[in-house]
Amino acid sequence: MPPKGYLERLREICDRHGILLVFDEVICGFGRCGAPFAAQAFGVTPDVITVAKAITNGNAPMSAVIVKDEIYDTIVERAPGEGIEFFHGYTWSAHPIACAAASAALAIYRNDRLFERAKSLSPYFLDQVAALRSLPVVTDTRGYGLLAAVDLKPGPAPGERGFSVLRRCFETGAVVRVTMDTIILAPPFVCEQGDIDTIIGLLRDALKAESR
């Protein structure tokens, strides 16, 4: 989590020195933080936002770059003789299937008010994650919206304990992500409180087993 005022200070420094501020919202964009983008959740507007994954709900590979008008104009609409256009196209750009998946996903987000749903589920989810701190193998938890991390005491080798917990969770029906000895949780927006209880319960069992 960025410390309070950190992103505002970054924006201020970038403005002062003419530096572009880029937010990577591949994971935290499209409602994960309870707002369309984390930039809106934190109230700081970058110059560039990179997105992927949730733009199609993961049903087709797609990514995108969102930029301010002045950046777009510099890249695309330079007058003849002012230089060569910045090369920014790729073989699969605007692939029809990916674009159709994105349009469908965005419509569902809007019509089913899933961003608002994620925001309403967040307090309960984060409380349940924070309760895991009582386990001996857990050193810290943190999170925002429907995104959280659980830090574990290192095992015999870096990442060994994290992978062990991931495997235990998978075997009992919970899919989590792991980065070294940190468990990452990002439940779907359609889940209910009971689903969160199930996820955290299975993770708790795996963590208890790891403590033995």
N, C-alpha and C. Protein backbone atom coordinates (compact mmCIF):
# COMPACT_ATOMS: atom_id res chain seq x y z
N MET A 1 0.84 -1.19 0.00
CA MET A 1 0.00 0.00 0.00
C MET A 1 0.88 1.25 0.00
N PRO A 2 0.57 2.24 -0.84
CA PRO A 2 1.35 3.47 -0.79
C PRO A 2 1.05 4.24 0.49
N PRO A 3 2.06 4.76 1.17
CA PRO A 3 1.81 5.58 2.37
C PRO A 3 0.93 6.77 2.02
N LYS A 4 0.19 7.26 2.99
CA LYS A 4 -0.70 8.40 2.77
C LYS A 4 0.08 9.58 2.21
N GLY A 5 -0.39 10.13 1.10
CA GLY A 5 0.26 11.27 0.47
C GLY A 5 1.36 10.92 -0.51
N TYR A 6 1.73 9.64 -0.59
CA TYR A 6 2.86 9.22 -1.44
C TYR A 6 2.57 9.46 -2.91
N LEU A 7 1.40 9.02 -3.39
CA LEU A 7 1.08 9.19 -4.81
C LEU A 7 0.88 10.65 -5.16
N GLU A 8 0.29 11.42 -4.25
CA GLU A 8 0.13 12.87 -4.48
C GLU A 8 1.50 13.54 -4.63
N ARG A 9 2.44 13.11 -3.81
CA ARG A 9 3.80 13.67 -3.87
C ARG A 9 4.48 13.29 -5.19
N LEU A 10 4.28 12.06 -5.63
CA LEU A 10 4.83 11.64 -6.93
C LEU A 10 4.28 12.51 -8.06
N ARG A 11 2.96 12.75 -8.03
CA ARG A 11 2.34 13.59 -9.04
C ARG A 11 2.95 15.00 -9.04
N GLU A 12 3.16 15.51 -7.87
CA GLU A 12 3.73 16.84 -7.70
C GLU A 12 5.15 16.91 -8.27
N ILE A 13 5.97 15.92 -7.96
CA ILE A 13 7.35 15.89 -8.44
C ILE A 13 7.39 15.76 -9.96
N CYS A 14 6.54 14.89 -10.51
CA CYS A 14 6.50 14.71 -11.97
C CYS A 14 6.08 15.99 -12.67
N ASP A 15 5.10 16.67 -12.13
CA ASP A 15 4.64 17.93 -12.73
C ASP A 15 5.76 18.98 -12.71
N ARG A 16 6.49 19.03 -11.61
CA ARG A 16 7.53 20.04 -11.48
C ARG A 16 8.66 19.84 -12.48
N HIS A 17 8.99 18.57 -12.77
CA HIS A 17 10.14 18.28 -13.62
C HIS A 17 9.77 17.80 -15.02
N GLY A 18 8.49 17.84 -15.38
CA GLY A 18 8.08 17.43 -16.71
C GLY A 18 8.23 15.94 -16.96
N ILE A 19 7.97 15.12 -15.95
CA ILE A 19 8.10 13.67 -16.05
C ILE A 19 6.71 13.05 -16.17
N LEU A 20 6.57 12.06 -17.05
CA LEU A 20 5.30 11.37 -17.17
C LEU A 20 5.12 10.40 -16.02
N LEU A 21 3.94 10.42 -15.41
CA LEU A 21 3.62 9.50 -14.32
C LEU A 21 2.81 8.35 -14.89
N VAL A 22 3.31 7.13 -14.72
CA VAL A 22 2.68 5.93 -15.27
C VAL A 22 2.17 5.06 -14.13
N PHE A 23 0.90 4.67 -14.20
CA PHE A 23 0.33 3.72 -13.25
C PHE A 23 0.12 2.38 -13.96
N ASP A 24 0.69 1.33 -13.42
CA ASP A 24 0.45 -0.02 -13.92
C ASP A 24 -0.80 -0.55 -13.21
N GLU A 25 -1.91 -0.64 -13.94
CA GLU A 25 -3.17 -1.10 -13.34
C GLU A 25 -3.62 -2.43 -13.96
N VAL A 26 -2.65 -3.23 -14.36
CA VAL A 26 -2.98 -4.54 -14.91
C VAL A 26 -3.74 -5.38 -13.89
N ILE A 27 -3.38 -5.28 -12.62
CA ILE A 27 -4.04 -6.06 -11.57
C ILE A 27 -5.08 -5.22 -10.83
N CYS A 28 -4.77 -3.99 -10.50
CA CYS A 28 -5.65 -3.21 -9.62
C CYS A 28 -6.70 -2.40 -10.37
N GLY A 29 -6.73 -2.46 -11.71
CA GLY A 29 -7.73 -1.74 -12.47
C GLY A 29 -9.03 -2.51 -12.62
N PHE A 30 -10.02 -1.87 -13.21
CA PHE A 30 -11.33 -2.47 -13.48
C PHE A 30 -12.00 -3.01 -12.22
N GLY A 31 -12.11 -2.13 -11.22
CA GLY A 31 -12.92 -2.41 -10.05
C GLY A 31 -12.25 -3.11 -8.90
N ARG A 32 -11.05 -3.60 -9.05
CA ARG A 32 -10.39 -4.37 -7.99
C ARG A 32 -10.22 -3.53 -6.72
N CYS A 33 -10.09 -2.21 -6.88
CA CYS A 33 -9.93 -1.32 -5.73
C CYS A 33 -11.23 -0.60 -5.37
N GLY A 34 -12.35 -1.06 -5.92
CA GLY A 34 -13.64 -0.46 -5.59
C GLY A 34 -14.00 0.74 -6.43
N ALA A 35 -13.16 1.09 -7.38
CA ALA A 35 -13.41 2.16 -8.34
C ALA A 35 -12.95 1.64 -9.70
N PRO A 36 -13.37 2.27 -10.80
CA PRO A 36 -12.92 1.77 -12.10
C PRO A 36 -11.41 1.55 -12.15
N PHE A 37 -10.64 2.50 -11.60
CA PHE A 37 -9.19 2.36 -11.57
C PHE A 37 -8.67 2.79 -10.21
N ALA A 38 -7.53 2.26 -9.82
CA ALA A 38 -6.91 2.65 -8.55
C ALA A 38 -6.60 4.15 -8.55
N ALA A 39 -6.30 4.70 -9.71
CA ALA A 39 -6.05 6.14 -9.80
C ALA A 39 -7.23 6.93 -9.25
N GLN A 40 -8.44 6.46 -9.53
CA GLN A 40 -9.63 7.13 -9.02
C GLN A 40 -9.84 6.84 -7.54
N ALA A 41 -9.54 5.60 -7.14
CA ALA A 41 -9.69 5.24 -5.73
C ALA A 41 -8.77 6.10 -4.85
N PHE A 42 -7.56 6.39 -5.34
CA PHE A 42 -6.60 7.18 -4.57
C PHE A 42 -6.64 8.66 -4.90
N GLY A 43 -7.42 9.03 -5.91
CA GLY A 43 -7.59 10.45 -6.24
C GLY A 43 -6.37 11.10 -6.87
N VAL A 44 -5.57 10.33 -7.59
CA VAL A 44 -4.38 10.86 -8.27
C VAL A 44 -4.44 10.45 -9.74
N THR A 45 -4.35 11.42 -10.65
CA THR A 45 -4.46 11.14 -12.08
C THR A 45 -3.08 11.05 -12.71
N PRO A 46 -2.72 9.89 -13.26
CA PRO A 46 -1.42 9.75 -13.94
C PRO A 46 -1.52 10.25 -15.38
N ASP A 47 -0.41 10.22 -16.08
CA ASP A 47 -0.40 10.58 -17.50
C ASP A 47 -0.68 9.36 -18.38
N VAL A 48 -0.28 8.19 -17.87
CA VAL A 48 -0.43 6.95 -18.62
C VAL A 48 -0.92 5.86 -17.67
N ILE A 49 -1.88 5.04 -18.13
CA ILE A 49 -2.33 3.87 -17.38
C ILE A 49 -2.20 2.66 -18.29
N THR A 50 -1.55 1.61 -17.79
CA THR A 50 -1.49 0.36 -18.54
C THR A 50 -2.50 -0.61 -17.92
N VAL A 51 -3.24 -1.33 -18.78
CA VAL A 51 -4.27 -2.25 -18.31
C VAL A 51 -4.20 -3.55 -19.11
N ALA A 52 -4.77 -4.60 -18.54
CA ALA A 52 -4.87 -5.91 -19.21
C ALA A 52 -5.81 -6.77 -18.37
N LYS A 53 -5.68 -8.08 -18.48
CA LYS A 53 -6.40 -9.05 -17.67
C LYS A 53 -7.89 -8.77 -17.59
N ALA A 54 -8.32 -7.95 -16.62
CA ALA A 54 -9.75 -7.76 -16.37
C ALA A 54 -10.46 -7.01 -17.49
N ILE A 55 -9.74 -6.42 -18.41
CA ILE A 55 -10.40 -5.71 -19.51
C ILE A 55 -11.26 -6.67 -20.33
N THR A 56 -10.89 -7.95 -20.33
CA THR A 56 -11.71 -8.98 -21.00
C THR A 56 -12.20 -10.03 -20.00
N ASN A 57 -12.08 -9.74 -18.70
CA ASN A 57 -12.36 -10.72 -17.66
C ASN A 57 -11.49 -11.96 -17.82
N GLY A 58 -10.33 -11.81 -18.45
CA GLY A 58 -9.41 -12.92 -18.63
C GLY A 58 -9.84 -13.94 -19.65
N ASN A 59 -10.89 -13.65 -20.44
CA ASN A 59 -11.40 -14.62 -21.40
C ASN A 59 -10.68 -14.59 -22.74
N ALA A 60 -9.94 -13.55 -23.01
CA ALA A 60 -9.15 -13.44 -24.23
C ALA A 60 -7.97 -12.52 -23.93
N PRO A 61 -6.80 -12.78 -24.50
CA PRO A 61 -5.64 -11.93 -24.23
C PRO A 61 -5.85 -10.53 -24.80
N MET A 62 -5.72 -9.53 -23.96
CA MET A 62 -5.84 -8.15 -24.41
C MET A 62 -5.16 -7.23 -23.41
N SER A 63 -4.54 -6.22 -23.90
CA SER A 63 -3.98 -5.17 -23.05
C SER A 63 -4.20 -3.84 -23.74
N ALA A 64 -4.05 -2.78 -22.98
CA ALA A 64 -4.27 -1.45 -23.56
C ALA A 64 -3.46 -0.42 -22.79
N VAL A 65 -3.21 0.70 -23.44
CA VAL A 65 -2.54 1.82 -22.80
C VAL A 65 -3.45 3.03 -22.91
N ILE A 66 -3.76 3.64 -21.78
CA ILE A 66 -4.62 4.83 -21.73
C ILE A 66 -3.71 6.03 -21.48
N VAL A 67 -3.84 7.05 -22.33
CA VAL A 67 -2.94 8.21 -22.21
C VAL A 67 -3.74 9.50 -22.29
N LYS A 68 -3.15 10.56 -21.81
CA LYS A 68 -3.74 11.89 -21.93
C LYS A 68 -3.75 12.33 -23.39
N ASP A 69 -4.64 13.26 -23.72
CA ASP A 69 -4.79 13.70 -25.10
C ASP A 69 -3.48 14.22 -25.69
N GLU A 70 -2.72 14.97 -24.91
CA GLU A 70 -1.50 15.56 -25.46
C GLU A 70 -0.47 14.48 -25.81
N ILE A 71 -0.47 13.39 -25.07
CA ILE A 71 0.43 12.29 -25.39
C ILE A 71 -0.03 11.59 -26.67
N TYR A 72 -1.32 11.34 -26.76
CA TYR A 72 -1.88 10.72 -27.96
C TYR A 72 -1.57 11.57 -29.19
N ASP A 73 -1.79 12.87 -29.08
CA ASP A 73 -1.54 13.77 -30.22
C ASP A 73 -0.08 13.73 -30.64
N THR A 74 0.82 13.67 -29.67
CA THR A 74 2.25 13.63 -29.99
C THR A 74 2.60 12.35 -30.74
N ILE A 75 1.98 11.23 -30.35
CA ILE A 75 2.30 9.95 -30.96
C ILE A 75 1.65 9.79 -32.33
N VAL A 76 0.40 10.21 -32.46
CA VAL A 76 -0.41 9.85 -33.62
C VAL A 76 -0.63 10.98 -34.61
N GLU A 77 -0.80 12.19 -34.15
CA GLU A 77 -1.29 13.26 -35.02
C GLU A 77 -0.25 14.35 -35.29
N ARG A 78 0.99 13.96 -35.39
CA ARG A 78 2.02 14.95 -35.72
C ARG A 78 1.85 15.41 -37.15
N ALA A 79 2.07 16.70 -37.38
CA ALA A 79 1.94 17.25 -38.73
C ALA A 79 3.05 16.72 -39.63
N PRO A 80 2.80 16.59 -40.94
CA PRO A 80 3.84 16.13 -41.88
C PRO A 80 5.10 16.98 -41.75
N GLY A 81 6.24 16.31 -41.76
CA GLY A 81 7.51 17.03 -41.69
C GLY A 81 8.02 17.22 -40.29
N GLU A 82 7.20 16.87 -39.29
CA GLU A 82 7.63 17.07 -37.90
C GLU A 82 8.31 15.84 -37.32
N GLY A 83 8.49 14.82 -38.14
CA GLY A 83 9.15 13.63 -37.64
C GLY A 83 8.36 12.38 -37.95
N ILE A 84 8.92 11.24 -37.59
CA ILE A 84 8.30 9.96 -37.87
C ILE A 84 7.36 9.59 -36.72
N GLU A 85 6.20 9.07 -37.06
CA GLU A 85 5.25 8.66 -36.04
C GLU A 85 5.88 7.60 -35.14
N PHE A 86 5.65 7.73 -33.84
CA PHE A 86 6.14 6.75 -32.88
C PHE A 86 5.49 5.40 -33.16
N PHE A 87 6.30 4.39 -33.41
CA PHE A 87 5.76 3.07 -33.75
C PHE A 87 5.12 2.44 -32.53
N HIS A 88 3.83 2.14 -32.63
CA HIS A 88 3.11 1.65 -31.46
C HIS A 88 2.09 0.57 -31.83
N GLY A 89 2.22 -0.04 -32.99
CA GLY A 89 1.29 -1.09 -33.39
C GLY A 89 1.90 -2.47 -33.22
N TYR A 90 1.04 -3.47 -33.04
CA TYR A 90 1.50 -4.84 -32.88
C TYR A 90 0.66 -5.77 -33.75
N THR A 91 1.16 -6.95 -34.00
CA THR A 91 0.49 -7.88 -34.91
C THR A 91 -0.97 -8.12 -34.52
N TRP A 92 -1.23 -8.25 -33.21
CA TRP A 92 -2.58 -8.61 -32.78
C TRP A 92 -3.35 -7.41 -32.24
N SER A 93 -2.93 -6.21 -32.54
CA SER A 93 -3.66 -5.04 -32.04
C SER A 93 -5.10 -5.05 -32.53
N ALA A 94 -6.04 -4.73 -31.63
CA ALA A 94 -7.47 -4.63 -31.95
C ALA A 94 -8.01 -5.91 -32.56
N HIS A 95 -7.55 -7.05 -32.06
CA HIS A 95 -8.06 -8.33 -32.56
C HIS A 95 -9.56 -8.41 -32.30
N PRO A 96 -10.37 -8.76 -33.31
CA PRO A 96 -11.84 -8.72 -33.16
C PRO A 96 -12.38 -9.55 -31.99
N ILE A 97 -11.81 -10.74 -31.77
CA ILE A 97 -12.31 -11.59 -30.69
C ILE A 97 -12.02 -10.95 -29.33
N ALA A 98 -10.80 -10.44 -29.17
CA ALA A 98 -10.43 -9.79 -27.90
C ALA A 98 -11.29 -8.55 -27.68
N CYS A 99 -11.52 -7.78 -28.73
CA CYS A 99 -12.33 -6.57 -28.59
C CYS A 99 -13.77 -6.92 -28.23
N ALA A 100 -14.31 -8.00 -28.81
CA ALA A 100 -15.67 -8.44 -28.48
C ALA A 100 -15.75 -8.87 -27.02
N ALA A 101 -14.72 -9.59 -26.56
CA ALA A 101 -14.69 -10.02 -25.15
C ALA A 101 -14.62 -8.81 -24.22
N ALA A 102 -13.82 -7.82 -24.59
CA ALA A 102 -13.71 -6.61 -23.76
C ALA A 102 -15.03 -5.87 -23.71
N SER A 103 -15.69 -5.72 -24.85
CA SER A 103 -16.98 -5.02 -24.87
C SER A 103 -18.00 -5.73 -23.99
N ALA A 104 -18.02 -7.07 -24.07
CA ALA A 104 -18.96 -7.84 -23.26
C ALA A 104 -18.64 -7.72 -21.77
N ALA A 105 -17.36 -7.82 -21.42
CA ALA A 105 -16.96 -7.71 -20.02
C ALA A 105 -17.30 -6.34 -19.45
N LEU A 106 -17.00 -5.30 -20.19
CA LEU A 106 -17.29 -3.95 -19.71
C LEU A 106 -18.78 -3.73 -19.51
N ALA A 107 -19.59 -4.30 -20.40
CA ALA A 107 -21.05 -4.17 -20.27
C ALA A 107 -21.53 -4.87 -18.99
N ILE A 108 -20.97 -6.06 -18.70
CA ILE A 108 -21.36 -6.78 -17.48
C ILE A 108 -20.93 -6.01 -16.24
N TYR A 109 -19.71 -5.49 -16.25
CA TYR A 109 -19.25 -4.67 -15.12
C TYR A 109 -20.24 -3.54 -14.84
N ARG A 110 -20.67 -2.88 -15.91
CA ARG A 110 -21.56 -1.72 -15.77
C ARG A 110 -22.98 -2.15 -15.38
N ASN A 111 -23.55 -3.09 -16.12
CA ASN A 111 -24.95 -3.45 -15.90
C ASN A 111 -25.19 -4.15 -14.57
N ASP A 112 -24.23 -4.96 -14.14
CA ASP A 112 -24.37 -5.67 -12.86
C ASP A 112 -23.74 -4.92 -11.70
N ARG A 113 -23.23 -3.73 -11.97
CA ARG A 113 -22.65 -2.86 -10.93
C ARG A 113 -21.60 -3.62 -10.09
N LEU A 114 -20.71 -4.31 -10.80
CA LEU A 114 -19.74 -5.15 -10.11
C LEU A 114 -18.66 -4.35 -9.40
N PHE A 115 -18.34 -3.15 -9.90
CA PHE A 115 -17.35 -2.34 -9.18
C PHE A 115 -17.90 -1.93 -7.82
N GLU A 116 -19.17 -1.54 -7.79
CA GLU A 116 -19.81 -1.17 -6.53
C GLU A 116 -19.90 -2.39 -5.61
N ARG A 117 -20.14 -3.54 -6.20
CA ARG A 117 -20.22 -4.77 -5.41
C ARG A 117 -18.87 -5.08 -4.76
N ALA A 118 -17.80 -4.92 -5.53
CA ALA A 118 -16.46 -5.15 -4.99
C ALA A 118 -16.18 -4.21 -3.83
N LYS A 119 -16.58 -2.96 -3.98
CA LYS A 119 -16.35 -1.98 -2.91
C LYS A 119 -17.11 -2.36 -1.65
N SER A 120 -18.34 -2.85 -1.80
CA SER A 120 -19.14 -3.20 -0.63
C SER A 120 -18.62 -4.45 0.08
N LEU A 121 -18.02 -5.38 -0.68
CA LEU A 121 -17.47 -6.60 -0.10
C LEU A 121 -16.12 -6.37 0.58
N SER A 122 -15.45 -5.30 0.22
CA SER A 122 -14.07 -5.08 0.67
C SER A 122 -13.89 -5.09 2.18
N PRO A 123 -14.69 -4.34 2.96
CA PRO A 123 -14.44 -4.32 4.41
C PRO A 123 -14.49 -5.71 5.04
N TYR A 124 -15.48 -6.51 4.66
CA TYR A 124 -15.59 -7.86 5.22
C TYR A 124 -14.39 -8.72 4.81
N PHE A 125 -14.04 -8.65 3.53
CA PHE A 125 -12.91 -9.42 3.01
C PHE A 125 -11.62 -9.06 3.74
N LEU A 126 -11.34 -7.77 3.88
CA LEU A 126 -10.09 -7.34 4.51
C LEU A 126 -10.06 -7.70 5.99
N ASP A 127 -11.22 -7.65 6.65
CA ASP A 127 -11.27 -8.07 8.06
C ASP A 127 -10.92 -9.54 8.21
N GLN A 128 -11.44 -10.37 7.31
CA GLN A 128 -11.16 -11.80 7.38
C GLN A 128 -9.69 -12.10 7.10
N VAL A 129 -9.12 -11.36 6.15
CA VAL A 129 -7.70 -11.53 5.86
C VAL A 129 -6.86 -11.10 7.06
N ALA A 130 -7.20 -9.96 7.67
CA ALA A 130 -6.44 -9.45 8.81
C ALA A 130 -6.46 -10.42 9.98
N ALA A 131 -7.54 -11.19 10.12
CA ALA A 131 -7.64 -12.15 11.23
C ALA A 131 -6.61 -13.26 11.13
N LEU A 132 -6.03 -13.45 9.94
CA LEU A 132 -5.01 -14.48 9.77
C LEU A 132 -3.70 -14.14 10.48
N ARG A 133 -3.55 -12.89 10.90
CA ARG A 133 -2.33 -12.48 11.59
C ARG A 133 -2.12 -13.22 12.89
N SER A 134 -3.17 -13.81 13.43
CA SER A 134 -3.05 -14.55 14.70
C SER A 134 -2.30 -15.86 14.53
N LEU A 135 -2.12 -16.32 13.29
CA LEU A 135 -1.44 -17.59 13.06
C LEU A 135 0.08 -17.41 13.16
N PRO A 136 0.77 -18.34 13.78
CA PRO A 136 2.22 -18.19 14.00
C PRO A 136 3.02 -18.03 12.71
N VAL A 137 2.57 -18.63 11.61
CA VAL A 137 3.34 -18.60 10.37
C VAL A 137 3.16 -17.30 9.59
N VAL A 138 2.19 -16.46 9.99
CA VAL A 138 1.88 -15.22 9.27
C VAL A 138 2.62 -14.06 9.94
N THR A 139 3.36 -13.28 9.15
CA THR A 139 4.07 -12.13 9.69
C THR A 139 3.34 -10.82 9.46
N ASP A 140 2.50 -10.74 8.42
CA ASP A 140 1.76 -9.50 8.15
C ASP A 140 0.68 -9.77 7.11
N THR A 141 -0.32 -8.90 7.09
CA THR A 141 -1.33 -8.90 6.02
C THR A 141 -1.54 -7.46 5.59
N ARG A 142 -2.01 -7.28 4.37
CA ARG A 142 -2.31 -5.93 3.87
C ARG A 142 -3.26 -6.09 2.70
N GLY A 143 -3.96 -5.01 2.38
CA GLY A 143 -4.86 -5.10 1.25
C GLY A 143 -5.63 -3.82 1.01
N TYR A 144 -6.36 -3.81 -0.09
CA TYR A 144 -7.21 -2.68 -0.47
C TYR A 144 -8.25 -3.22 -1.44
N GLY A 145 -9.49 -2.81 -1.27
CA GLY A 145 -10.53 -3.32 -2.16
C GLY A 145 -10.66 -4.82 -2.01
N LEU A 146 -10.69 -5.52 -3.14
CA LEU A 146 -10.72 -6.98 -3.13
C LEU A 146 -9.36 -7.54 -3.56
N LEU A 147 -8.31 -6.99 -2.98
CA LEU A 147 -6.95 -7.45 -3.24
C LEU A 147 -6.20 -7.45 -1.92
N ALA A 148 -5.57 -8.58 -1.60
CA ALA A 148 -4.87 -8.67 -0.32
C ALA A 148 -3.66 -9.58 -0.42
N ALA A 149 -2.73 -9.39 0.52
CA ALA A 149 -1.52 -10.21 0.58
C ALA A 149 -1.32 -10.69 2.00
N VAL A 150 -0.80 -11.91 2.11
CA VAL A 150 -0.49 -12.50 3.41
C VAL A 150 0.98 -12.90 3.39
N ASP A 151 1.78 -12.25 4.21
CA ASP A 151 3.22 -12.54 4.27
C ASP A 151 3.48 -13.66 5.26
N LEU A 152 4.34 -14.59 4.87
CA LEU A 152 4.64 -15.75 5.69
C LEU A 152 6.08 -15.72 6.18
N LYS A 153 6.32 -16.37 7.30
CA LYS A 153 7.68 -16.56 7.77
C LYS A 153 8.42 -17.43 6.75
N PRO A 154 9.64 -17.06 6.39
CA PRO A 154 10.37 -17.86 5.40
C PRO A 154 10.57 -19.29 5.86
N GLY A 155 10.56 -20.21 4.90
CA GLY A 155 10.84 -21.61 5.19
C GLY A 155 12.32 -21.90 5.02
N PRO A 156 12.68 -23.15 4.84
CA PRO A 156 14.09 -23.52 4.66
C PRO A 156 14.74 -22.83 3.46
N ALA A 157 13.96 -22.60 2.40
CA ALA A 157 14.49 -21.92 1.22
C ALA A 157 13.49 -20.84 0.80
N PRO A 158 13.97 -19.74 0.19
CA PRO A 158 13.05 -18.67 -0.23
C PRO A 158 11.95 -19.20 -1.15
N GLY A 159 10.71 -18.88 -0.81
CA GLY A 159 9.58 -19.27 -1.64
C GLY A 159 9.04 -20.67 -1.37
N GLU A 160 9.79 -21.47 -0.61
CA GLU A 160 9.36 -22.86 -0.39
C GLU A 160 8.06 -22.93 0.41
N ARG A 161 7.94 -22.10 1.45
CA ARG A 161 6.73 -22.12 2.27
C ARG A 161 5.54 -21.59 1.49
N GLY A 162 5.75 -20.53 0.73
CA GLY A 162 4.66 -19.98 -0.07
C GLY A 162 4.11 -20.99 -1.05
N PHE A 163 4.99 -21.72 -1.72
CA PHE A 163 4.55 -22.72 -2.69
C PHE A 163 3.85 -23.88 -1.99
N SER A 164 4.31 -24.22 -0.81
CA SER A 164 3.68 -25.30 -0.05
C SER A 164 2.24 -24.94 0.31
N VAL A 165 2.03 -23.69 0.74
CA VAL A 165 0.68 -23.24 1.08
C VAL A 165 -0.20 -23.20 -0.17
N LEU A 166 0.36 -22.71 -1.27
CA LEU A 166 -0.38 -22.70 -2.54
C LEU A 166 -0.85 -24.10 -2.90
N ARG A 167 0.03 -25.08 -2.78
CA ARG A 167 -0.31 -26.46 -3.13
C ARG A 167 -1.38 -27.03 -2.20
N ARG A 168 -1.25 -26.75 -0.90
CA ARG A 168 -2.26 -27.22 0.06
C ARG A 168 -3.63 -26.62 -0.27
N CYS A 169 -3.66 -25.33 -0.59
CA CYS A 169 -4.93 -24.67 -0.92
C CYS A 169 -5.53 -25.29 -2.18
N PHE A 170 -4.71 -25.51 -3.19
CA PHE A 170 -5.21 -26.06 -4.45
C PHE A 170 -5.82 -27.45 -4.24
N GLU A 171 -5.18 -28.24 -3.41
CA GLU A 171 -5.66 -29.60 -3.16
C GLU A 171 -6.99 -29.63 -2.43
N THR A 172 -7.32 -28.55 -1.72
CA THR A 172 -8.58 -28.51 -0.98
C THR A 172 -9.63 -27.63 -1.66
N GLY A 173 -9.28 -27.03 -2.82
CA GLY A 173 -10.29 -26.32 -3.59
C GLY A 173 -10.18 -24.82 -3.64
N ALA A 174 -9.08 -24.23 -3.20
CA ALA A 174 -8.90 -22.78 -3.25
C ALA A 174 -7.71 -22.45 -4.13
N VAL A 175 -7.92 -21.55 -5.09
CA VAL A 175 -6.85 -21.13 -5.98
C VAL A 175 -6.33 -19.78 -5.50
N VAL A 176 -5.08 -19.72 -5.10
CA VAL A 176 -4.43 -18.47 -4.68
C VAL A 176 -3.19 -18.26 -5.53
N ARG A 177 -2.68 -17.06 -5.49
CA ARG A 177 -1.41 -16.77 -6.15
C ARG A 177 -0.33 -16.67 -5.09
N VAL A 178 0.90 -16.84 -5.52
CA VAL A 178 2.01 -16.73 -4.57
C VAL A 178 3.17 -16.03 -5.25
N THR A 179 3.80 -15.13 -4.52
CA THR A 179 5.05 -14.50 -4.93
C THR A 179 6.05 -14.75 -3.81
N MET A 180 6.98 -15.66 -4.03
CA MET A 180 7.89 -16.09 -2.98
C MET A 180 7.09 -16.56 -1.77
N ASP A 181 7.24 -15.91 -0.61
CA ASP A 181 6.53 -16.33 0.59
C ASP A 181 5.38 -15.38 0.92
N THR A 182 4.77 -14.83 -0.09
CA THR A 182 3.59 -13.98 0.06
C THR A 182 2.43 -14.58 -0.71
N ILE A 183 1.32 -14.82 -0.02
CA ILE A 183 0.10 -15.33 -0.65
C ILE A 183 -0.73 -14.14 -1.10
N ILE A 184 -1.20 -14.17 -2.34
CA ILE A 184 -1.99 -13.07 -2.91
C ILE A 184 -3.41 -13.56 -3.15
N LEU A 185 -4.36 -12.78 -2.67
CA LEU A 185 -5.78 -13.12 -2.80
C LEU A 185 -6.49 -12.05 -3.63
N ALA A 186 -7.27 -12.49 -4.61
CA ALA A 186 -8.04 -11.57 -5.45
C ALA A 186 -9.35 -12.26 -5.83
N PRO A 187 -10.31 -12.34 -4.91
CA PRO A 187 -11.55 -13.08 -5.17
C PRO A 187 -12.39 -12.43 -6.25
N PRO A 188 -13.22 -13.20 -6.94
CA PRO A 188 -14.08 -12.65 -7.99
C PRO A 188 -15.13 -11.71 -7.41
N PHE A 189 -15.54 -10.75 -8.22
CA PHE A 189 -16.51 -9.74 -7.75
C PHE A 189 -17.89 -10.32 -7.49
N VAL A 190 -18.19 -11.48 -8.04
CA VAL A 190 -19.51 -12.07 -7.88
C VAL A 190 -19.64 -12.91 -6.61
N CYS A 191 -18.57 -13.00 -5.83
CA CYS A 191 -18.62 -13.85 -4.65
C CYS A 191 -19.50 -13.23 -3.56
N GLU A 192 -19.97 -14.09 -2.66
CA GLU A 192 -20.76 -13.69 -1.50
C GLU A 192 -19.86 -13.76 -0.26
N GLN A 193 -20.36 -13.25 0.86
CA GLN A 193 -19.59 -13.34 2.09
C GLN A 193 -19.27 -14.80 2.44
N GLY A 194 -20.21 -15.70 2.15
CA GLY A 194 -19.97 -17.11 2.41
C GLY A 194 -18.81 -17.66 1.59
N ASP A 195 -18.67 -17.16 0.36
CA ASP A 195 -17.54 -17.59 -0.47
C ASP A 195 -16.22 -17.10 0.11
N ILE A 196 -16.23 -15.87 0.62
CA ILE A 196 -15.03 -15.33 1.26
C ILE A 196 -14.68 -16.17 2.49
N ASP A 197 -15.70 -16.56 3.26
CA ASP A 197 -15.46 -17.42 4.42
C ASP A 197 -14.81 -18.73 4.00
N THR A 198 -15.28 -19.29 2.88
CA THR A 198 -14.72 -20.55 2.39
C THR A 198 -13.26 -20.38 1.98
N ILE A 199 -12.97 -19.33 1.22
CA ILE A 199 -11.61 -19.09 0.77
C ILE A 199 -10.66 -18.89 1.95
N ILE A 200 -11.05 -18.03 2.87
CA ILE A 200 -10.19 -17.74 4.02
C ILE A 200 -10.09 -18.97 4.92
N GLY A 201 -11.17 -19.75 5.03
CA GLY A 201 -11.13 -20.96 5.85
C GLY A 201 -10.15 -21.98 5.30
N LEU A 202 -10.17 -22.18 3.98
CA LEU A 202 -9.24 -23.13 3.36
C LEU A 202 -7.80 -22.64 3.49
N LEU A 203 -7.61 -21.32 3.34
CA LEU A 203 -6.27 -20.77 3.50
C LEU A 203 -5.81 -20.91 4.95
N ARG A 204 -6.70 -20.67 5.87
CA ARG A 204 -6.35 -20.80 7.29
C ARG A 204 -5.92 -22.24 7.61
N ASP A 205 -6.66 -23.21 7.07
CA ASP A 205 -6.30 -24.62 7.30
C ASP A 205 -4.91 -24.92 6.73
N ALA A 206 -4.63 -24.38 5.55
CA ALA A 206 -3.32 -24.61 4.94
C ALA A 206 -2.22 -23.97 5.77
N LEU A 207 -2.48 -22.79 6.30
CA LEU A 207 -1.48 -22.09 7.11
C LEU A 207 -1.26 -22.81 8.45
N LYS A 208 -2.35 -23.33 9.02
CA LYS A 208 -2.20 -24.09 10.26
C LYS A 208 -1.37 -25.35 10.04
N ALA A 209 -1.63 -26.03 8.92
CA ALA A 209 -0.87 -27.23 8.61
C ALA A 209 0.61 -26.89 8.41
N GLU A 210 0.89 -25.72 7.88
CA GLU A 210 2.27 -25.30 7.64
C GLU A 210 2.96 -24.96 8.96
N SER A 211 2.17 -24.62 9.98
CA SER A 211 2.74 -24.24 11.28
C SER A 211 3.18 -25.44 12.10
N ARG A 212 2.69 -26.64 11.73
CA ARG A 212 2.99 -27.82 12.55
C ARG A 212 4.44 -28.25 12.40
